[in-house]
Amino acid sequence: MTKSVFGAASRTSIFIAIAALPLLAACGGKEKDCTPDFTAVEQQRVTLCNNRECGDVAFKDDICGFNFERSCGACKGGETCHQGICASCLSHSDCAAAHDSGWFCNDAWQCEPYEDHCDTLADCEAKGGGKCEGHRCVITHCGTGGTICDDASHEQCLSGTCMPVTPLTECTASGSTTAQPTVIRFFEHLDGPEAIYSYTASSNDPFMVSVTPAGLDYDPAIYILSRLSPPAAAVGEDALEEIVADAYPKGRSEVVLMTPEAGKNYYFVVSSDSEKSGPYKQGAFKLCLENSTTCTQTCETK
């Protein structure tokens, strides 16, 4: 009897298992028999990849509901897919490592040089002056909380920049506007790099100041001020244009004539015209002072 009972139970279990197979097949049959429209799947991929250039997107197709994962594109070697963009950098340090410290990582995750990037001093000369330090053109700033200017180098803090103001103690001086900033610009049209000299008149005798470029590709200008700090003021009773010299082309000397006041301090500013560019705006020069009391030599002008 026991055997018969267990035998019946076994047959019943087999029957239930067999009877369930058609039911399971029926439940999954619709999904199993469905064939996705792969043209529609590709359209979905294109839509989802519209604002991406790399990486994968996951979605279900609208026909069968199957899960798909498709690529929006691959990046070139050395690039990383970041937020759907092929990025050459993720931080400024990445660019510094790949190039030098004068490069940064921009908003498009690409390495880009700073506007003041430099490799040599000549690079800074073409960008308005400064020293090439750490692959960037650096102009020392001063003022409240800033750098203290070097008295030994006769620097003064002018418009937030430490600028050398060389005392003219002899009749001639050699100088250069190369890589110098523009901080005075008393006359709007004279926007070139500047070199500044100070001079104390020993008498009321007229004097002549000339600036002669060392090379034929530099076109300097020169003007005279009674003070450098704002508001700067031109000196003498003559009209302003008569104490500014910017009449001759590149390679030629410019000359200023004026009658000083004994014991008064004056500033000779060597600059260049805004219409000039490149090597015409900066270069080496010789400054020469002539008067009847202290400097009687003849300046070599061209």
C-alpha atoms as a PDB file:
ATOM      1  CA  MET A   1       0.000   0.000   0.000  1.00  0.00           C
ATOM      2  CA  THR A   2       2.761   2.291   0.829  1.00  0.00           C
ATOM      3  CA  LYS A   3       4.438   1.558  -2.459  1.00  0.00           C
ATOM      4  CA  SER A   4       1.225   2.312  -4.363  1.00  0.00           C
ATOM      5  CA  VAL A   5       0.826   5.671  -2.636  1.00  0.00           C
ATOM      6  CA  PHE A   6       4.359   6.784  -3.391  1.00  0.00           C
ATOM      7  CA  GLY A   7       4.013   5.578  -6.965  1.00  0.00           C
ATOM      8  CA  ALA A   8       0.910   7.677  -7.476  1.00  0.00           C
ATOM      9  CA  ALA A   9       2.601  10.702  -5.973  1.00  0.00           C
ATOM     10  CA  SER A  10       5.499  10.383  -8.421  1.00  0.00           C
ATOM     11  CA  ARG A  11       3.195  10.182 -11.412  1.00  0.00           C
ATOM     12  CA  THR A  12       1.275  13.218 -10.189  1.00  0.00           C
ATOM     13  CA  SER A  13       4.502  15.299  -9.887  1.00  0.00           C
ATOM     14  CA  ILE A  14       5.558  14.328 -13.388  1.00  0.00           C
ATOM     15  CA  PHE A  15       2.159  15.290 -14.753  1.00  0.00           C
ATOM     16  CA  ILE A  16       2.267  18.711 -13.117  1.00  0.00           C
ATOM     17  CA  ALA A  17       5.759  19.414 -14.439  1.00  0.00           C
ATOM     18  CA  ILE A  18       4.813  18.405 -17.996  1.00  0.00           C
ATOM     19  CA  ALA A  19       1.566  20.343 -17.899  1.00  0.00           C
ATOM     20  CA  ALA A  20       3.406  23.528 -16.875  1.00  0.00           C
ATOM     21  CA  LEU A  21       5.695  23.581 -19.924  1.00  0.00           C
ATOM     22  CA  PRO A  22       3.143  24.918 -22.417  1.00  0.00           C
ATOM     23  CA  LEU A  23       2.138  27.599 -19.930  1.00  0.00           C
ATOM     24  CA  LEU A  24       5.720  28.820 -19.474  1.00  0.00           C
ATOM     25  CA  ALA A  25       6.293  28.790 -23.204  1.00  0.00           C
ATOM     26  CA  ALA A  26       3.127  30.794 -23.708  1.00  0.00           C
ATOM     27  CA  CYS A  27       4.278  33.438 -21.178  1.00  0.00           C
ATOM     28  CA  GLY A  28       7.623  33.949 -22.859  1.00  0.00           C
ATOM     29  CA  GLY A  29       6.624  33.179 -26.370  1.00  0.00           C
ATOM     30  CA  LYS A  30       5.683  36.693 -27.444  1.00  0.00           C
ATOM     31  CA  GLU A  31       9.052  38.154 -26.324  1.00  0.00           C
ATOM     32  CA  LYS A  32      10.963  35.206 -27.734  1.00  0.00           C
ATOM     33  CA  ASP A  33       9.347  35.473 -31.145  1.00  0.00           C
ATOM     34  CA  CYS A  34       9.712  39.324 -31.331  1.00  0.00           C
ATOM     35  CA  THR A  35      12.333  40.659 -33.757  1.00  0.00           C
ATOM     36  CA  PRO A  36      13.530  44.248 -33.018  1.00  0.00           C
ATOM     37  CA  ASP A  37      13.485  46.851 -35.766  1.00  0.00           C
ATOM     38  CA  PHE A  38      17.221  47.544 -35.906  1.00  0.00           C
ATOM     39  CA  THR A  39      16.703  50.650 -38.007  1.00  0.00           C
ATOM     40  CA  ALA A  40      14.622  52.052 -35.161  1.00  0.00           C
ATOM     41  CA  VAL A  41      17.274  50.893 -32.684  1.00  0.00           C
ATOM     42  CA  GLU A  42      19.940  52.804 -34.630  1.00  0.00           C
ATOM     43  CA  GLN A  43      17.744  55.911 -34.691  1.00  0.00           C
ATOM     44  CA  GLN A  44      17.413  55.664 -30.911  1.00  0.00           C
ATOM     45  CA  ARG A  45      21.205  55.388 -30.622  1.00  0.00           C
ATOM     46  CA  VAL A  46      21.741  58.442 -32.843  1.00  0.00           C
ATOM     47  CA  THR A  47      19.226  60.462 -30.825  1.00  0.00           C
ATOM     48  CA  LEU A  48      20.838  59.546 -27.495  1.00  0.00           C
ATOM     49  CA  CYS A  49      24.324  60.214 -28.894  1.00  0.00           C
ATOM     50  CA  ASN A  50      23.305  63.580 -30.320  1.00  0.00           C
ATOM     51  CA  ASN A  51      25.293  65.612 -27.747  1.00  0.00           C
ATOM     52  CA  ARG A  52      28.047  63.060 -27.218  1.00  0.00           C
ATOM     53  CA  GLU A  53      31.112  62.138 -29.204  1.00  0.00           C
ATOM     54  CA  CYS A  54      32.166  59.083 -27.226  1.00  0.00           C
ATOM     55  CA  GLY A  55      31.084  56.556 -24.590  1.00  0.00           C
ATOM     56  CA  ASP A  56      28.139  54.132 -24.469  1.00  0.00           C
ATOM     57  CA  VAL A  57      24.399  54.647 -24.105  1.00  0.00           C
ATOM     58  CA  ALA A  58      21.962  52.025 -22.719  1.00  0.00           C
ATOM     59  CA  PHE A  59      18.290  51.897 -23.725  1.00  0.00           C
ATOM     60  CA  LYS A  60      15.301  49.649 -24.515  1.00  0.00           C
ATOM     61  CA  ASP A  61      13.963  49.374 -28.023  1.00  0.00           C
ATOM     62  CA  ASP A  62      10.417  50.594 -28.573  1.00  0.00           C
ATOM     63  CA  ILE A  63       9.287  47.408 -30.384  1.00  0.00           C
ATOM     64  CA  CYS A  64      10.258  44.482 -28.170  1.00  0.00           C
ATOM     65  CA  GLY A  65      11.580  46.215 -25.063  1.00  0.00           C
ATOM     66  CA  PHE A  66      14.934  44.474 -25.323  1.00  0.00           C
ATOM     67  CA  ASN A  67      17.905  46.133 -23.551  1.00  0.00           C
ATOM     68  CA  PHE A  68      20.623  47.518 -25.807  1.00  0.00           C
ATOM     69  CA  GLU A  69      23.985  49.161 -25.178  1.00  0.00           C
ATOM     70  CA  ARG A  70      25.542  51.021 -28.093  1.00  0.00           C
ATOM     71  CA  SER A  71      28.671  53.136 -28.578  1.00  0.00           C
ATOM     72  CA  CYS A  72      28.590  56.843 -29.440  1.00  0.00           C
ATOM     73  CA  GLY A  73      32.163  56.741 -30.719  1.00  0.00           C
ATOM     74  CA  ALA A  74      35.738  56.148 -29.644  1.00  0.00           C
ATOM     75  CA  CYS A  75      38.433  58.706 -28.755  1.00  0.00           C
ATOM     76  CA  LYS A  76      41.894  58.952 -30.240  1.00  0.00           C
ATOM     77  CA  GLY A  77      44.865  57.529 -28.415  1.00  0.00           C
ATOM     78  CA  GLY A  78      45.830  59.645 -25.438  1.00  0.00           C
ATOM     79  CA  GLU A  79      42.299  61.012 -24.990  1.00  0.00           C
ATOM     80  CA  THR A  80      39.765  60.078 -22.313  1.00  0.00           C
ATOM     81  CA  CYS A  81      35.996  59.980 -22.726  1.00  0.00           C
ATOM     82  CA  HIS A  82      34.754  62.433 -20.111  1.00  0.00           C
ATOM     83  CA  GLN A  83      31.067  63.314 -19.909  1.00  0.00           C
ATOM     84  CA  GLY A  84      30.639  62.355 -23.558  1.00  0.00           C
ATOM     85  CA  ILE A  85      33.570  64.495 -24.713  1.00  0.00           C
ATOM     86  CA  CYS A  86      36.944  63.242 -25.941  1.00  0.00           C
ATOM     87  CA  ALA A  87      39.121  65.029 -23.402  1.00  0.00           C
ATOM     88  CA  SER A  88      42.848  65.527 -23.714  1.00  0.00           C
ATOM     89  CA  CYS A  89      42.960  66.716 -20.097  1.00  0.00           C
ATOM     90  CA  LEU A  90      40.955  66.678 -16.900  1.00  0.00           C
ATOM     91  CA  SER A  91      43.042  69.210 -14.960  1.00  0.00           C
ATOM     92  CA  HIS A  92      45.597  71.976 -15.506  1.00  0.00           C
ATOM     93  CA  SER A  93      48.321  69.652 -14.224  1.00  0.00           C
ATOM     94  CA  ASP A  94      47.593  67.251 -17.099  1.00  0.00           C
ATOM     95  CA  CYS A  95      48.444  70.002 -19.588  1.00  0.00           C
ATOM     96  CA  ALA A  96      51.510  71.102 -17.650  1.00  0.00           C
ATOM     97  CA  ALA A  97      52.764  67.512 -17.744  1.00  0.00           C
ATOM     98  CA  ALA A  98      52.004  67.093 -21.449  1.00  0.00           C
ATOM     99  CA  HIS A  99      53.336  70.504 -22.542  1.00  0.00           C
ATOM    100  CA  ASP A 100      54.667  72.906 -19.903  1.00  0.00           C
ATOM    101  CA  SER A 101      53.410  75.148 -17.118  1.00  0.00           C
ATOM    102  CA  GLY A 102      52.212  77.722 -19.649  1.00  0.00           C
ATOM    103  CA  TRP A 103      49.308  75.470 -20.722  1.00  0.00           C
ATOM    104  CA  PHE A 104      45.918  74.984 -19.068  1.00  0.00           C
ATOM    105  CA  CYS A 105      42.861  72.718 -19.436  1.00  0.00           C
ATOM    106  CA  ASN A 106      40.020  74.728 -20.995  1.00  0.00           C
ATOM    107  CA  ASP A 107      36.240  74.298 -20.696  1.00  0.00           C
ATOM    108  CA  ALA A 108      36.238  71.882 -23.641  1.00  0.00           C
ATOM    109  CA  TRP A 109      38.718  69.637 -21.760  1.00  0.00           C
ATOM    110  CA  GLN A 110      41.483  70.430 -24.227  1.00  0.00           C
ATOM    111  CA  CYS A 111      44.989  71.713 -23.473  1.00  0.00           C
ATOM    112  CA  GLU A 112      45.478  75.317 -24.510  1.00  0.00           C
ATOM    113  CA  PRO A 113      48.385  77.760 -23.960  1.00  0.00           C
ATOM    114  CA  TYR A 114      47.796  80.813 -21.762  1.00  0.00           C
ATOM    115  CA  GLU A 115      47.703  84.099 -23.660  1.00  0.00           C
ATOM    116  CA  ASP A 116      50.948  85.074 -21.954  1.00  0.00           C
ATOM    117  CA  HIS A 117      52.628  81.735 -22.705  1.00  0.00           C
ATOM    118  CA  CYS A 118      56.310  81.998 -23.578  1.00  0.00           C
ATOM    119  CA  ASP A 119      59.356  79.886 -24.250  1.00  0.00           C
ATOM    120  CA  THR A 120      61.848  82.719 -24.630  1.00  0.00           C
ATOM    121  CA  LEU A 121      62.158  86.392 -23.746  1.00  0.00           C
ATOM    122  CA  ALA A 122      61.391  87.212 -27.384  1.00  0.00           C
ATOM    123  CA  ASP A 123      57.908  85.699 -26.924  1.00  0.00           C
ATOM    124  CA  CYS A 124      57.209  88.190 -24.122  1.00  0.00           C
ATOM    125  CA  GLU A 125      58.575  91.049 -26.192  1.00  0.00           C
ATOM    126  CA  ALA A 126      55.929  90.348 -28.801  1.00  0.00           C
ATOM    127  CA  LYS A 127      53.191  90.240 -26.133  1.00  0.00           C
ATOM    128  CA  GLY A 128      53.826  93.568 -24.446  1.00  0.00           C
ATOM    129  CA  GLY A 129      56.771  92.831 -22.178  1.00  0.00           C
ATOM    130  CA  GLY A 130      57.666  90.962 -19.048  1.00  0.00           C
ATOM    131  CA  LYS A 131      60.097  88.203 -18.133  1.00  0.00           C
ATOM    132  CA  CYS A 132      59.560  84.605 -19.259  1.00  0.00           C
ATOM    133  CA  GLU A 133      59.233  82.713 -15.970  1.00  0.00           C
ATOM    134  CA  GLY A 134      57.635  79.274 -15.802  1.00  0.00           C
ATOM    135  CA  HIS A 135      56.665  79.598 -19.465  1.00  0.00           C
ATOM    136  CA  ARG A 136      54.566  82.699 -18.738  1.00  0.00           C
ATOM    137  CA  CYS A 137      55.363  86.379 -19.240  1.00  0.00           C
ATOM    138  CA  VAL A 138      55.562  87.902 -15.764  1.00  0.00           C
ATOM    139  CA  ILE A 139      55.367  91.598 -14.946  1.00  0.00           C
ATOM    140  CA  THR A 140      56.029  92.295 -11.271  1.00  0.00           C
ATOM    141  CA  HIS A 141      53.088  94.025  -9.570  1.00  0.00           C
ATOM    142  CA  CYS A 142      53.337  96.288  -6.572  1.00  0.00           C
ATOM    143  CA  GLY A 143      51.203  98.437  -4.303  1.00  0.00           C
ATOM    144  CA  THR A 144      49.104  97.591  -1.263  1.00  0.00           C
ATOM    145  CA  GLY A 145      49.900  94.004  -0.334  1.00  0.00           C
ATOM    146  CA  GLY A 146      52.015  93.571  -3.439  1.00  0.00           C
ATOM    147  CA  THR A 147      55.695  93.297  -4.225  1.00  0.00           C
ATOM    148  CA  ILE A 148      58.062  95.875  -2.751  1.00  0.00           C
ATOM    149  CA  CYS A 149      60.010  97.485  -5.562  1.00  0.00           C
ATOM    150  CA  ASP A 150      63.801  97.288  -5.573  1.00  0.00           C
ATOM    151  CA  ASP A 151      65.307 100.645  -4.561  1.00  0.00           C
ATOM    152  CA  ALA A 152      68.768  99.442  -5.527  1.00  0.00           C
ATOM    153  CA  SER A 153      67.541  99.099  -9.106  1.00  0.00           C
ATOM    154  CA  HIS A 154      65.848 102.534  -8.905  1.00  0.00           C
ATOM    155  CA  GLU A 155      62.406 100.935  -9.261  1.00  0.00           C
ATOM    156  CA  GLN A 156      59.236 102.873  -8.541  1.00  0.00           C
ATOM    157  CA  CYS A 157      55.709 101.514  -8.181  1.00  0.00           C
ATOM    158  CA  LEU A 158      53.875 103.006 -11.155  1.00  0.00           C
ATOM    159  CA  SER A 159      50.285 101.958 -11.885  1.00  0.00           C
ATOM    160  CA  GLY A 160      50.825  98.754  -9.898  1.00  0.00           C
ATOM    161  CA  THR A 161      54.031  97.796 -11.712  1.00  0.00           C
ATOM    162  CA  CYS A 162      57.622  97.997 -10.480  1.00  0.00           C
ATOM    163  CA  MET A 163      59.275 100.124 -13.118  1.00  0.00           C
ATOM    164  CA  PRO A 164      62.963 101.134 -13.212  1.00  0.00           C
ATOM    165  CA  VAL A 165      63.431 104.909 -13.343  1.00  0.00           C
ATOM    166  CA  THR A 166      67.091 105.432 -14.157  1.00  0.00           C
ATOM    167  CA  PRO A 167      68.767 108.628 -12.880  1.00  0.00           C
ATOM    168  CA  LEU A 168      70.497 110.384 -15.764  1.00  0.00           C
ATOM    169  CA  THR A 169      73.741 111.426 -14.080  1.00  0.00           C
ATOM    170  CA  GLU A 170      75.848 111.639 -17.221  1.00  0.00           C
ATOM    171  CA  CYS A 171      75.352 113.101 -20.647  1.00  0.00           C
ATOM    172  CA  THR A 172      74.577 109.776 -22.297  1.00  0.00           C
ATOM    173  CA  ALA A 173      72.962 106.500 -21.356  1.00  0.00           C
ATOM    174  CA  SER A 174      72.277 103.250 -23.163  1.00  0.00           C
ATOM    175  CA  GLY A 175      68.930 101.578 -22.613  1.00  0.00           C
ATOM    176  CA  SER A 176      66.263  99.342 -24.063  1.00  0.00           C
ATOM    177  CA  THR A 177      62.483  99.132 -24.118  1.00  0.00           C
ATOM    178  CA  THR A 178      62.622  95.426 -24.944  1.00  0.00           C
ATOM    179  CA  ALA A 179      60.294  93.374 -22.692  1.00  0.00           C
ATOM    180  CA  GLN A 180      59.334  96.466 -20.678  1.00  0.00           C
ATOM    181  CA  PRO A 181      55.698  97.173 -19.683  1.00  0.00           C
ATOM    182  CA  THR A 182      53.648 100.230 -20.592  1.00  0.00           C
ATOM    183  CA  VAL A 183      52.689 102.023 -17.366  1.00  0.00           C
ATOM    184  CA  ILE A 184      52.819 105.779 -18.061  1.00  0.00           C
ATOM    185  CA  ARG A 185      51.257 106.292 -21.490  1.00  0.00           C
ATOM    186  CA  PHE A 186      50.669 109.972 -20.839  1.00  0.00           C
ATOM    187  CA  PHE A 187      49.876 110.418 -24.524  1.00  0.00           C
ATOM    188  CA  GLU A 188      47.234 107.976 -25.757  1.00  0.00           C
ATOM    189  CA  HIS A 189      48.956 107.303 -29.078  1.00  0.00           C
ATOM    190  CA  LEU A 190      52.240 106.348 -27.393  1.00  0.00           C
ATOM    191  CA  ASP A 191      51.448 102.850 -26.143  1.00  0.00           C
ATOM    192  CA  GLY A 192      54.756 101.053 -26.647  1.00  0.00           C
ATOM    193  CA  PRO A 193      57.007  99.498 -23.989  1.00  0.00           C
ATOM    194  CA  GLU A 194      58.641 102.243 -21.951  1.00  0.00           C
ATOM    195  CA  ALA A 195      62.021 103.168 -20.520  1.00  0.00           C
ATOM    196  CA  ILE A 196      62.072 106.055 -18.023  1.00  0.00           C
ATOM    197  CA  TYR A 197      64.924 108.359 -16.986  1.00  0.00           C
ATOM    198  CA  SER A 198      64.962 111.058 -14.323  1.00  0.00           C
ATOM    199  CA  TYR A 199      66.985 114.276 -14.605  1.00  0.00           C
ATOM    200  CA  THR A 200      67.387 117.270 -12.290  1.00  0.00           C
ATOM    201  CA  ALA A 201      68.071 120.512 -14.122  1.00  0.00           C
ATOM    202  CA  SER A 202      71.118 122.364 -12.821  1.00  0.00           C
ATOM    203  CA  SER A 203      70.208 125.660 -14.513  1.00  0.00           C
ATOM    204  CA  ASN A 204      67.607 127.428 -16.585  1.00  0.00           C
ATOM    205  CA  ASP A 205      69.639 126.914 -19.739  1.00  0.00           C
ATOM    206  CA  PRO A 206      67.821 125.174 -22.609  1.00  0.00           C
ATOM    207  CA  PHE A 207      68.703 121.561 -23.200  1.00  0.00           C
ATOM    208  CA  MET A 208      68.273 118.997 -25.920  1.00  0.00           C
ATOM    209  CA  VAL A 209      67.471 115.328 -25.381  1.00  0.00           C
ATOM    210  CA  SER A 210      67.766 112.843 -28.208  1.00  0.00           C
ATOM    211  CA  VAL A 211      66.983 109.131 -28.453  1.00  0.00           C
ATOM    212  CA  THR A 212      68.752 107.184 -31.189  1.00  0.00           C
ATOM    213  CA  PRO A 213      67.765 103.578 -31.958  1.00  0.00           C
ATOM    214  CA  ALA A 214      70.578 101.047 -32.047  1.00  0.00           C
ATOM    215  CA  GLY A 215      68.988  99.206 -34.961  1.00  0.00           C
ATOM    216  CA  LEU A 216      67.210 100.256 -38.118  1.00  0.00           C
ATOM    217  CA  ASP A 217      64.048  98.334 -37.214  1.00  0.00           C
ATOM    218  CA  TYR A 218      63.180 100.298 -34.037  1.00  0.00           C
ATOM    219  CA  ASP A 219      61.111 103.491 -34.218  1.00  0.00           C
ATOM    220  CA  PRO A 220      61.245 105.222 -30.810  1.00  0.00           C
ATOM    221  CA  ALA A 221      59.428 108.289 -29.518  1.00  0.00           C
ATOM    222  CA  ILE A 222      60.334 110.450 -26.509  1.00  0.00           C
ATOM    223  CA  TYR A 223      58.483 112.896 -24.265  1.00  0.00           C
ATOM    224  CA  ILE A 224      59.115 114.796 -21.035  1.00  0.00           C
ATOM    225  CA  LEU A 225      57.040 114.891 -17.836  1.00  0.00           C
ATOM    226  CA  SER A 226      57.378 116.758 -14.559  1.00  0.00           C
ATOM    227  CA  ARG A 227      55.950 113.842 -12.519  1.00  0.00           C
ATOM    228  CA  LEU A 228      55.040 110.231 -13.114  1.00  0.00           C
ATOM    229  CA  SER A 229      52.234 109.662 -10.643  1.00  0.00           C
ATOM    230  CA  PRO A 230      48.702 110.659 -11.769  1.00  0.00           C
ATOM    231  CA  PRO A 231      47.823 113.177 -12.809  1.00  0.00           C
ATOM    232  CA  ALA A 232      50.988 113.321 -14.878  1.00  0.00           C
ATOM    233  CA  ALA A 233      51.755 116.776 -16.268  1.00  0.00           C
ATOM    234  CA  ALA A 234      53.894 117.912 -19.166  1.00  0.00           C
ATOM    235  CA  VAL A 235      56.338 120.678 -18.380  1.00  0.00           C
ATOM    236  CA  GLY A 236      57.341 123.956 -19.959  1.00  0.00           C
ATOM    237  CA  GLU A 237      55.290 126.753 -21.416  1.00  0.00           C
ATOM    238  CA  ASP A 238      55.252 125.315 -24.907  1.00  0.00           C
ATOM    239  CA  ALA A 239      52.327 123.365 -26.300  1.00  0.00           C
ATOM    240  CA  LEU A 240      52.306 119.642 -25.521  1.00  0.00           C
ATOM    241  CA  GLU A 241      53.135 118.589 -29.053  1.00  0.00           C
ATOM    242  CA  GLU A 242      56.346 120.634 -28.873  1.00  0.00           C
ATOM    243  CA  ILE A 243      57.830 118.502 -26.077  1.00  0.00           C
ATOM    244  CA  VAL A 244      56.982 115.205 -27.739  1.00  0.00           C
ATOM    245  CA  ALA A 245      59.273 113.870 -30.425  1.00  0.00           C
ATOM    246  CA  ASP A 246      57.884 111.271 -32.802  1.00  0.00           C
ATOM    247  CA  ALA A 247      58.500 112.781 -36.212  1.00  0.00           C
ATOM    248  CA  TYR A 248      60.954 110.467 -37.933  1.00  0.00           C
ATOM    249  CA  PRO A 249      60.633 106.885 -39.245  1.00  0.00           C
ATOM    250  CA  LYS A 250      62.311 103.772 -37.873  1.00  0.00           C
ATOM    251  CA  GLY A 251      66.054 103.888 -37.453  1.00  0.00           C
ATOM    252  CA  ARG A 252      66.131 107.684 -37.027  1.00  0.00           C
ATOM    253  CA  SER A 253      66.775 109.830 -33.942  1.00  0.00           C
ATOM    254  CA  GLU A 254      64.049 111.814 -32.194  1.00  0.00           C
ATOM    255  CA  VAL A 255      64.969 115.106 -30.482  1.00  0.00           C
ATOM    256  CA  VAL A 256      63.253 117.169 -27.759  1.00  0.00           C
ATOM    257  CA  LEU A 257      64.193 120.817 -27.016  1.00  0.00           C
ATOM    258  CA  MET A 258      62.995 122.644 -23.896  1.00  0.00           C
ATOM    259  CA  THR A 259      63.897 125.254 -21.298  1.00  0.00           C
ATOM    260  CA  PRO A 260      63.913 123.796 -17.774  1.00  0.00           C
ATOM    261  CA  GLU A 261      63.535 125.280 -14.321  1.00  0.00           C
ATOM    262  CA  ALA A 262      66.721 125.065 -12.271  1.00  0.00           C
ATOM    263  CA  GLY A 263      66.563 122.478  -9.486  1.00  0.00           C
ATOM    264  CA  LYS A 264      63.412 120.852 -10.860  1.00  0.00           C
ATOM    265  CA  ASN A 265      63.186 117.156 -11.628  1.00  0.00           C
ATOM    266  CA  TYR A 266      62.092 115.910 -15.048  1.00  0.00           C
ATOM    267  CA  TYR A 267      61.347 112.499 -16.538  1.00  0.00           C
ATOM    268  CA  PHE A 268      62.329 111.436 -20.034  1.00  0.00           C
ATOM    269  CA  VAL A 269      60.037 108.657 -21.284  1.00  0.00           C
ATOM    270  CA  VAL A 270      61.129 106.586 -24.282  1.00  0.00           C
ATOM    271  CA  SER A 271      58.167 104.840 -25.941  1.00  0.00           C
ATOM    272  CA  SER A 272      56.711 104.245 -29.411  1.00  0.00           C
ATOM    273  CA  ASP A 273      53.635 104.985 -31.472  1.00  0.00           C
ATOM    274  CA  SER A 274      50.470 102.844 -31.414  1.00  0.00           C
ATOM    275  CA  GLU A 275      50.650 102.530 -35.206  1.00  0.00           C
ATOM    276  CA  LYS A 276      53.875 100.587 -34.914  1.00  0.00           C
ATOM    277  CA  SER A 277      54.054  96.844 -34.364  1.00  0.00           C
ATOM    278  CA  GLY A 278      56.515  94.032 -33.778  1.00  0.00           C
ATOM    279  CA  PRO A 279      60.195  95.061 -33.742  1.00  0.00           C
ATOM    280  CA  TYR A 280      59.291  98.681 -34.577  1.00  0.00           C
ATOM    281  CA  LYS A 281      57.789  99.137 -31.096  1.00  0.00           C
ATOM    282  CA  GLN A 282      60.783  98.147 -28.946  1.00  0.00           C
ATOM    283  CA  GLY A 283      64.534  97.890 -29.018  1.00  0.00           C
ATOM    284  CA  ALA A 284      67.867  99.232 -27.782  1.00  0.00           C
ATOM    285  CA  PHE A 285      68.713 102.919 -27.939  1.00  0.00           C
ATOM    286  CA  LYS A 286      71.131 105.622 -26.834  1.00  0.00           C
ATOM    287  CA  LEU A 287      69.856 108.612 -24.870  1.00  0.00           C
ATOM    288  CA  CYS A 288      71.882 111.814 -25.107  1.00  0.00           C
ATOM    289  CA  LEU A 289      71.549 115.098 -23.195  1.00  0.00           C
ATOM    290  CA  GLU A 290      73.103 118.364 -24.303  1.00  0.00           C
ATOM    291  CA  ASN A 291      73.155 121.744 -22.541  1.00  0.00           C
ATOM    292  CA  SER A 292      75.604 124.597 -22.132  1.00  0.00           C
ATOM    293  CA  THR A 293      76.578 123.902 -18.509  1.00  0.00           C
ATOM    294  CA  THR A 294      77.100 120.201 -17.919  1.00  0.00           C
ATOM    295  CA  CYS A 295      76.919 118.421 -21.286  1.00  0.00           C
ATOM    296  CA  THR A 296      78.516 120.187 -24.205  1.00  0.00           C
ATOM    297  CA  GLN A 297      79.214 117.172 -26.388  1.00  0.00           C
ATOM    298  CA  THR A 298      77.458 116.732 -29.672  1.00  0.00           C
ATOM    299  CA  CYS A 299      74.886 113.945 -29.668  1.00  0.00           C
ATOM    300  CA  GLU A 300      75.263 111.484 -32.477  1.00  0.00           C
ATOM    301  CA  THR A 301      71.940 111.709 -34.266  1.00  0.00           C
ATOM    302  CA  LYS A 302      71.025 110.191 -37.587  1.00  0.00           C
END
